[in-house]
């Protein structure tokens, strides 16, 4: 790897271990084994590097969850598949607590850093399409209003579940509880059982 890649790996490690606010440029340079000046040369600033590190870490998580959800895709009943998929997502929080803690921390700083906001805005669109594909068991989906709406729904569920899990893992809803909530809301909004 070159300095640029080493910096990204080091920044991801620091972000997950220390969080956004406590990570210094010196921490990143030390973790990457490069000079402090390399951050400015390759990324412009520590904040730009951390923004790219967060997006990269979320992409890594998406790939991991996509693999885990492949197992759920084999469940024939759509209701059982929905519940199984969300149980797998919930379990992924255990191994990725630092990622979710850092993501909520980073979101709180998007007003302070234009590059951070831009990185999240760009990643949000890709994230919605990626979530739509992941939960349908597809390699990718077309960029259509319906797929964006489906992805936005999954993104809202994901962020809400992550927030609840971070506060109290025992109180975060299970896949079966999310399914029951979906059934109740759907019946109330769309009518029917």
C-alpha atoms as a PDB file:
ATOM      1  CA  UNK A   1       0.000   0.000   0.000  1.00  0.00           C
ATOM      2  CA  UNK A   2       1.036   3.579  -0.543  1.00  0.00           C
ATOM      3  CA  UNK A   3       0.798   6.481   1.876  1.00  0.00           C
ATOM      4  CA  UNK A   4      -2.705   7.420   0.669  1.00  0.00           C
ATOM      5  CA  UNK A   5      -4.080   3.935   1.330  1.00  0.00           C
ATOM      6  CA  UNK A   6      -2.166   3.640   4.602  1.00  0.00           C
ATOM      7  CA  UNK A   7      -3.719   6.907   5.763  1.00  0.00           C
ATOM      8  CA  UNK A   8      -7.234   5.701   4.931  1.00  0.00           C
ATOM      9  CA  UNK A   9      -6.678   2.450   6.830  1.00  0.00           C
ATOM     10  CA  UNK A  10      -5.147   4.330   9.775  1.00  0.00           C
ATOM     11  CA  UNK A  11      -7.989   6.858   9.809  1.00  0.00           C
ATOM     12  CA  UNK A  12     -10.592   4.083   9.824  1.00  0.00           C
ATOM     13  CA  UNK A  13      -8.839   2.382  12.719  1.00  0.00           C
ATOM     14  CA  UNK A  14      -8.682   5.650  14.702  1.00  0.00           C
ATOM     15  CA  UNK A  15     -12.273   6.522  13.889  1.00  0.00           C
ATOM     16  CA  UNK A  16     -13.526   3.167  15.154  1.00  0.00           C
ATOM     17  CA  UNK A  17     -11.249   3.094  18.203  1.00  0.00           C
ATOM     18  CA  UNK A  18     -11.282   6.738  19.315  1.00  0.00           C
ATOM     19  CA  UNK A  19     -14.250   8.323  17.566  1.00  0.00           C
ATOM     20  CA  UNK A  20     -14.365  11.402  15.381  1.00  0.00           C
ATOM     21  CA  UNK A  21     -13.844  14.137  17.970  1.00  0.00           C
ATOM     22  CA  UNK A  22     -10.968  12.496  19.816  1.00  0.00           C
ATOM     23  CA  UNK A  23      -8.971  11.529  16.727  1.00  0.00           C
ATOM     24  CA  UNK A  24      -6.106  13.881  15.957  1.00  0.00           C
ATOM     25  CA  UNK A  25      -4.120  14.187  12.762  1.00  0.00           C
ATOM     26  CA  UNK A  26      -1.112  12.941  14.718  1.00  0.00           C
ATOM     27  CA  UNK A  27      -3.081   9.818  15.756  1.00  0.00           C
ATOM     28  CA  UNK A  28      -3.870   9.047  12.130  1.00  0.00           C
ATOM     29  CA  UNK A  29      -0.326   9.644  10.907  1.00  0.00           C
ATOM     30  CA  UNK A  30       1.018   7.421  13.679  1.00  0.00           C
ATOM     31  CA  UNK A  31      -1.490   4.630  12.939  1.00  0.00           C
ATOM     32  CA  UNK A  32      -0.614   4.844   9.236  1.00  0.00           C
ATOM     33  CA  UNK A  33       3.123   5.003   9.828  1.00  0.00           C
ATOM     34  CA  UNK A  34       3.495   8.133   7.691  1.00  0.00           C
ATOM     35  CA  UNK A  35       4.391  11.770   8.259  1.00  0.00           C
ATOM     36  CA  UNK A  36       1.816  14.277   9.455  1.00  0.00           C
ATOM     37  CA  UNK A  37       2.289  16.272   6.242  1.00  0.00           C
ATOM     38  CA  UNK A  38       1.051  13.302   4.195  1.00  0.00           C
ATOM     39  CA  UNK A  39      -2.515  13.968   5.376  1.00  0.00           C
ATOM     40  CA  UNK A  40      -2.565  17.431   3.810  1.00  0.00           C
ATOM     41  CA  UNK A  41      -0.809  16.235   0.684  1.00  0.00           C
ATOM     42  CA  UNK A  42      -3.175  13.322   0.013  1.00  0.00           C
ATOM     43  CA  UNK A  43      -6.478  14.470   1.535  1.00  0.00           C
ATOM     44  CA  UNK A  44      -6.268  18.204   2.148  1.00  0.00           C
ATOM     45  CA  UNK A  45      -7.240  17.979   5.809  1.00  0.00           C
ATOM     46  CA  UNK A  46      -7.869  15.599   8.664  1.00  0.00           C
ATOM     47  CA  UNK A  47     -11.621  16.161   8.355  1.00  0.00           C
ATOM     48  CA  UNK A  48     -11.626  15.266   4.648  1.00  0.00           C
ATOM     49  CA  UNK A  49      -9.666  12.109   5.429  1.00  0.00           C
ATOM     50  CA  UNK A  50     -12.022  11.159   8.273  1.00  0.00           C
ATOM     51  CA  UNK A  51     -15.040  11.738   6.017  1.00  0.00           C
ATOM     52  CA  UNK A  52     -13.612   9.361   3.425  1.00  0.00           C
ATOM     53  CA  UNK A  53     -12.665   6.894   6.169  1.00  0.00           C
ATOM     54  CA  UNK A  54     -16.251   6.889   7.467  1.00  0.00           C
ATOM     55  CA  UNK A  55     -17.681   6.302   3.995  1.00  0.00           C
ATOM     56  CA  UNK A  56     -15.179   3.508   3.421  1.00  0.00           C
ATOM     57  CA  UNK A  57     -15.984   1.900   6.784  1.00  0.00           C
ATOM     58  CA  UNK A  58     -19.712   1.998   5.970  1.00  0.00           C
ATOM     59  CA  UNK A  59     -19.010   0.391   2.598  1.00  0.00           C
ATOM     60  CA  UNK A  60     -17.068  -2.352   4.384  1.00  0.00           C
ATOM     61  CA  UNK A  61     -20.012  -2.860   6.754  1.00  0.00           C
ATOM     62  CA  UNK A  62     -22.421  -2.979   3.795  1.00  0.00           C
ATOM     63  CA  UNK A  63     -20.387  -5.716   2.153  1.00  0.00           C
ATOM     64  CA  UNK A  64     -20.271  -7.716   5.387  1.00  0.00           C
ATOM     65  CA  UNK A  65     -24.005  -7.347   5.982  1.00  0.00           C
ATOM     66  CA  UNK A  66     -24.714  -8.179   2.347  1.00  0.00           C
ATOM     67  CA  UNK A  67     -22.920 -11.485   2.843  1.00  0.00           C
ATOM     68  CA  UNK A  68     -24.828 -12.160   6.084  1.00  0.00           C
ATOM     69  CA  UNK A  69     -28.156 -11.357   4.425  1.00  0.00           C
ATOM     70  CA  UNK A  70     -27.449 -13.833   1.660  1.00  0.00           C
ATOM     71  CA  UNK A  71     -28.300 -16.486   4.243  1.00  0.00           C
ATOM     72  CA  UNK A  72     -31.653 -14.820   4.948  1.00  0.00           C
ATOM     73  CA  UNK A  73     -32.404 -14.657   1.219  1.00  0.00           C
ATOM     74  CA  UNK A  74     -32.823 -18.448   1.281  1.00  0.00           C
ATOM     75  CA  UNK A  75     -35.851 -18.178   3.587  1.00  0.00           C
ATOM     76  CA  UNK A  76     -38.908 -18.670   1.379  1.00  0.00           C
ATOM     77  CA  UNK A  77     -41.545 -16.837   3.419  1.00  0.00           C
ATOM     78  CA  UNK A  78     -41.155 -13.051   2.936  1.00  0.00           C
ATOM     79  CA  UNK A  79     -42.177 -12.295   6.534  1.00  0.00           C
ATOM     80  CA  UNK A  80     -39.670 -14.756   7.970  1.00  0.00           C
ATOM     81  CA  UNK A  81     -37.014 -13.462   5.560  1.00  0.00           C
ATOM     82  CA  UNK A  82     -37.646  -9.857   6.704  1.00  0.00           C
ATOM     83  CA  UNK A  83     -37.327 -10.827  10.386  1.00  0.00           C
ATOM     84  CA  UNK A  84     -34.230 -12.974   9.775  1.00  0.00           C
ATOM     85  CA  UNK A  85     -32.551 -10.203   7.797  1.00  0.00           C
ATOM     86  CA  UNK A  86     -33.073  -7.654  10.568  1.00  0.00           C
ATOM     87  CA  UNK A  87     -31.838 -10.093  13.206  1.00  0.00           C
ATOM     88  CA  UNK A  88     -28.630 -10.443  11.182  1.00  0.00           C
ATOM     89  CA  UNK A  89     -28.299  -6.655  10.924  1.00  0.00           C
ATOM     90  CA  UNK A  90     -28.839  -6.356  14.659  1.00  0.00           C
ATOM     91  CA  UNK A  91     -26.089  -8.924  15.320  1.00  0.00           C
ATOM     92  CA  UNK A  92     -23.728  -6.943  13.075  1.00  0.00           C
ATOM     93  CA  UNK A  93     -23.926  -4.053  15.546  1.00  0.00           C
ATOM     94  CA  UNK A  94     -22.071  -6.127  18.154  1.00  0.00           C
ATOM     95  CA  UNK A  95     -18.997  -6.428  15.927  1.00  0.00           C
ATOM     96  CA  UNK A  96     -19.307  -2.875  14.589  1.00  0.00           C
ATOM     97  CA  UNK A  97     -20.226  -0.818  17.653  1.00  0.00           C
ATOM     98  CA  UNK A  98     -17.349   1.600  17.014  1.00  0.00           C
ATOM     99  CA  UNK A  99     -18.594   2.229  13.482  1.00  0.00           C
ATOM    100  CA  UNK A 100     -22.105   3.133  14.607  1.00  0.00           C
ATOM    101  CA  UNK A 101     -20.914   5.238  17.517  1.00  0.00           C
ATOM    102  CA  UNK A 102     -18.583   7.117  15.169  1.00  0.00           C
ATOM    103  CA  UNK A 103     -21.294   7.523  12.529  1.00  0.00           C
ATOM    104  CA  UNK A 104     -23.681   9.241  14.929  1.00  0.00           C
ATOM    105  CA  UNK A 105     -20.816  11.390  16.206  1.00  0.00           C
ATOM    106  CA  UNK A 106     -19.809  12.328  12.646  1.00  0.00           C
ATOM    107  CA  UNK A 107     -23.392  13.214  11.718  1.00  0.00           C
ATOM    108  CA  UNK A 108     -23.401  15.724  14.568  1.00  0.00           C
ATOM    109  CA  UNK A 109     -20.439  17.494  12.919  1.00  0.00           C
ATOM    110  CA  UNK A 110     -21.813  17.785   9.372  1.00  0.00           C
ATOM    111  CA  UNK A 111     -22.831  21.409   9.916  1.00  0.00           C
ATOM    112  CA  UNK A 112     -19.275  22.273  10.973  1.00  0.00           C
ATOM    113  CA  UNK A 113     -17.456  20.686   8.042  1.00  0.00           C
ATOM    114  CA  UNK A 114     -18.602  21.189   4.455  1.00  0.00           C
ATOM    115  CA  UNK A 115     -16.556  18.255   3.191  1.00  0.00           C
ATOM    116  CA  UNK A 116     -18.125  15.982   5.771  1.00  0.00           C
ATOM    117  CA  UNK A 117     -21.648  16.990   4.783  1.00  0.00           C
ATOM    118  CA  UNK A 118     -20.841  16.540   1.096  1.00  0.00           C
ATOM    119  CA  UNK A 119     -19.333  13.097   1.687  1.00  0.00           C
ATOM    120  CA  UNK A 120     -22.422  12.001   3.619  1.00  0.00           C
ATOM    121  CA  UNK A 121     -24.821  13.449   1.043  1.00  0.00           C
ATOM    122  CA  UNK A 122     -23.060  11.571  -1.758  1.00  0.00           C
ATOM    123  CA  UNK A 123     -22.870   8.372   0.262  1.00  0.00           C
ATOM    124  CA  UNK A 124     -26.530   8.602   1.262  1.00  0.00           C
ATOM    125  CA  UNK A 125     -27.795   8.117  -2.297  1.00  0.00           C
ATOM    126  CA  UNK A 126     -25.460   5.170  -2.887  1.00  0.00           C
ATOM    127  CA  UNK A 127     -26.353   3.806   0.537  1.00  0.00           C
ATOM    128  CA  UNK A 128     -30.063   3.835  -0.232  1.00  0.00           C
ATOM    129  CA  UNK A 129     -29.571   1.954  -3.477  1.00  0.00           C
ATOM    130  CA  UNK A 130     -27.180  -0.441  -1.750  1.00  0.00           C
ATOM    131  CA  UNK A 131     -29.624  -1.167   1.065  1.00  0.00           C
ATOM    132  CA  UNK A 132     -32.426  -1.711  -1.421  1.00  0.00           C
ATOM    133  CA  UNK A 133     -30.276  -4.245  -3.246  1.00  0.00           C
ATOM    134  CA  UNK A 134     -29.026  -5.943  -0.068  1.00  0.00           C
ATOM    135  CA  UNK A 135     -32.492  -6.476   1.382  1.00  0.00           C
ATOM    136  CA  UNK A 136     -33.804  -7.810  -1.917  1.00  0.00           C
ATOM    137  CA  UNK A 137     -30.855 -10.168  -2.275  1.00  0.00           C
ATOM    138  CA  UNK A 138     -29.754  -8.524  -5.520  1.00  0.00           C
ATOM    139  CA  UNK A 139     -26.240  -7.496  -6.589  1.00  0.00           C
ATOM    140  CA  UNK A 140     -27.553  -4.022  -7.484  1.00  0.00           C
ATOM    141  CA  UNK A 141     -30.737  -2.156  -8.307  1.00  0.00           C
ATOM    142  CA  UNK A 142     -31.450   0.579 -10.855  1.00  0.00           C
ATOM    143  CA  UNK A 143     -31.460   4.203  -9.739  1.00  0.00           C
ATOM    144  CA  UNK A 144     -35.243   4.689  -9.888  1.00  0.00           C
ATOM    145  CA  UNK A 145     -37.631   6.598  -7.611  1.00  0.00           C
ATOM    146  CA  UNK A 146     -39.089   3.309  -6.333  1.00  0.00           C
ATOM    147  CA  UNK A 147     -35.685   1.866  -5.446  1.00  0.00           C
ATOM    148  CA  UNK A 148     -34.689   5.142  -3.779  1.00  0.00           C
ATOM    149  CA  UNK A 149     -37.930   5.063  -1.748  1.00  0.00           C
ATOM    150  CA  UNK A 150     -37.363   1.435  -0.763  1.00  0.00           C
ATOM    151  CA  UNK A 151     -33.767   2.223   0.199  1.00  0.00           C
ATOM    152  CA  UNK A 152     -34.808   5.312   2.188  1.00  0.00           C
ATOM    153  CA  UNK A 153     -37.258   3.152   4.150  1.00  0.00           C
ATOM    154  CA  UNK A 154     -34.520   0.621   4.951  1.00  0.00           C
ATOM    155  CA  UNK A 155     -32.100   3.433   5.779  1.00  0.00           C
ATOM    156  CA  UNK A 156     -34.581   4.946   8.247  1.00  0.00           C
ATOM    157  CA  UNK A 157     -35.129   1.543   9.882  1.00  0.00           C
ATOM    158  CA  UNK A 158     -31.393   0.921  10.024  1.00  0.00           C
ATOM    159  CA  UNK A 159     -30.546   4.274  11.616  1.00  0.00           C
ATOM    160  CA  UNK A 160     -33.373   3.923  14.117  1.00  0.00           C
ATOM    161  CA  UNK A 161     -32.406   0.377  15.026  1.00  0.00           C
ATOM    162  CA  UNK A 162     -28.748   1.363  15.388  1.00  0.00           C
ATOM    163  CA  UNK A 163     -29.650   4.294  17.653  1.00  0.00           C
ATOM    164  CA  UNK A 164     -31.856   2.120  19.846  1.00  0.00           C
ATOM    165  CA  UNK A 165     -29.219  -0.614  19.996  1.00  0.00           C
ATOM    166  CA  UNK A 166     -26.466   1.839  20.966  1.00  0.00           C
ATOM    167  CA  UNK A 167     -28.593   3.156  23.825  1.00  0.00           C
ATOM    168  CA  UNK A 168     -29.769  -0.236  25.073  1.00  0.00           C
ATOM    169  CA  UNK A 169     -29.013  -3.419  23.124  1.00  0.00           C
ATOM    170  CA  UNK A 170     -31.544  -5.382  25.190  1.00  0.00           C
ATOM    171  CA  UNK A 171     -34.354  -2.985  24.304  1.00  0.00           C
ATOM    172  CA  UNK A 172     -33.597  -2.726  20.582  1.00  0.00           C
ATOM    173  CA  UNK A 173     -36.314  -4.510  18.607  1.00  0.00           C
ATOM    174  CA  UNK A 174     -35.735  -7.951  17.164  1.00  0.00           C
ATOM    175  CA  UNK A 175     -36.516  -8.863  13.587  1.00  0.00           C
ATOM    176  CA  UNK A 176     -39.852 -10.333  14.699  1.00  0.00           C
ATOM    177  CA  UNK A 177     -40.725  -7.116  16.565  1.00  0.00           C
ATOM    178  CA  UNK A 178     -39.840  -5.002  13.520  1.00  0.00           C
ATOM    179  CA  UNK A 179     -42.013  -7.272  11.375  1.00  0.00           C
ATOM    180  CA  UNK A 180     -44.935  -6.895  13.794  1.00  0.00           C
ATOM    181  CA  UNK A 181     -44.474  -3.126  13.795  1.00  0.00           C
ATOM    182  CA  UNK A 182     -44.450  -3.108   9.988  1.00  0.00           C
ATOM    183  CA  UNK A 183     -47.662  -5.167   9.925  1.00  0.00           C
ATOM    184  CA  UNK A 184     -49.394  -2.821  12.376  1.00  0.00           C
ATOM    185  CA  UNK A 185     -48.274   0.345  10.618  1.00  0.00           C
ATOM    186  CA  UNK A 186     -49.130  -1.052   7.187  1.00  0.00           C
ATOM    187  CA  UNK A 187     -52.608  -2.072   8.345  1.00  0.00           C
ATOM    188  CA  UNK A 188     -53.188   1.356   9.852  1.00  0.00           C
ATOM    189  CA  UNK A 189     -51.924   3.268   6.831  1.00  0.00           C
ATOM    190  CA  UNK A 190     -52.926   0.997   3.962  1.00  0.00           C
ATOM    191  CA  UNK A 191     -55.948  -0.696   5.532  1.00  0.00           C
ATOM    192  CA  UNK A 192     -56.556  -4.380   5.875  1.00  0.00           C
ATOM    193  CA  UNK A 193     -55.598  -6.904   8.611  1.00  0.00           C
END
